[in-house]
């Protein structure tokens, strides 16, 4: 009997881009999102230079429900699902996100675990904005902070509607997963 592999490894044959291309792609992704449009070029450049481009293969978990998010993620390419346990413990798909969509917003709320798991449906390229850098921008720009808070509130409501859970029930379900 052959052993069953328990870990996937993905190898990039070529370096798909260089640092300057990454910065350019990050700036384009930021400019395309309404939430970042009110920020000046200096702030956007700072965010872009502190960001990372990451790659995930189909089926890989990018964020696990109950974990602390590393930063805000913007999909440059690919599709992901957002899912979480409902009040019965069954995993429910909350939403599908495509190129240009945003997730990982809980990184702005210090020590708040992710409400959802994010899984790549296909190969994914994404930008991970440094959570501390975005938090700093939110502290300095009240309009941006309000827009991010609104986005976070809407995402929480979407999770609650999809799972039929209250905030307290969601917190309890997430706590059991940690």
Foldseek 3Di string as FASTA:
>chain_A
DDDDDDDDDDDDPDDPDDLVVQLVLQLVLLCVDPLNVVDDPVLSSVQSVQKDKDKDFAFDWPFAFLAQFQAKKAWQAAKKWWWAAALVGDIDTLDMDGHSDMDNLCLLVPPDTHLTIIGTNGMTIMMGGGSVSLNVVCVVDVSSVVVSVVVVVVVVVSSCVRRVDDPVSSVVRSVVVD
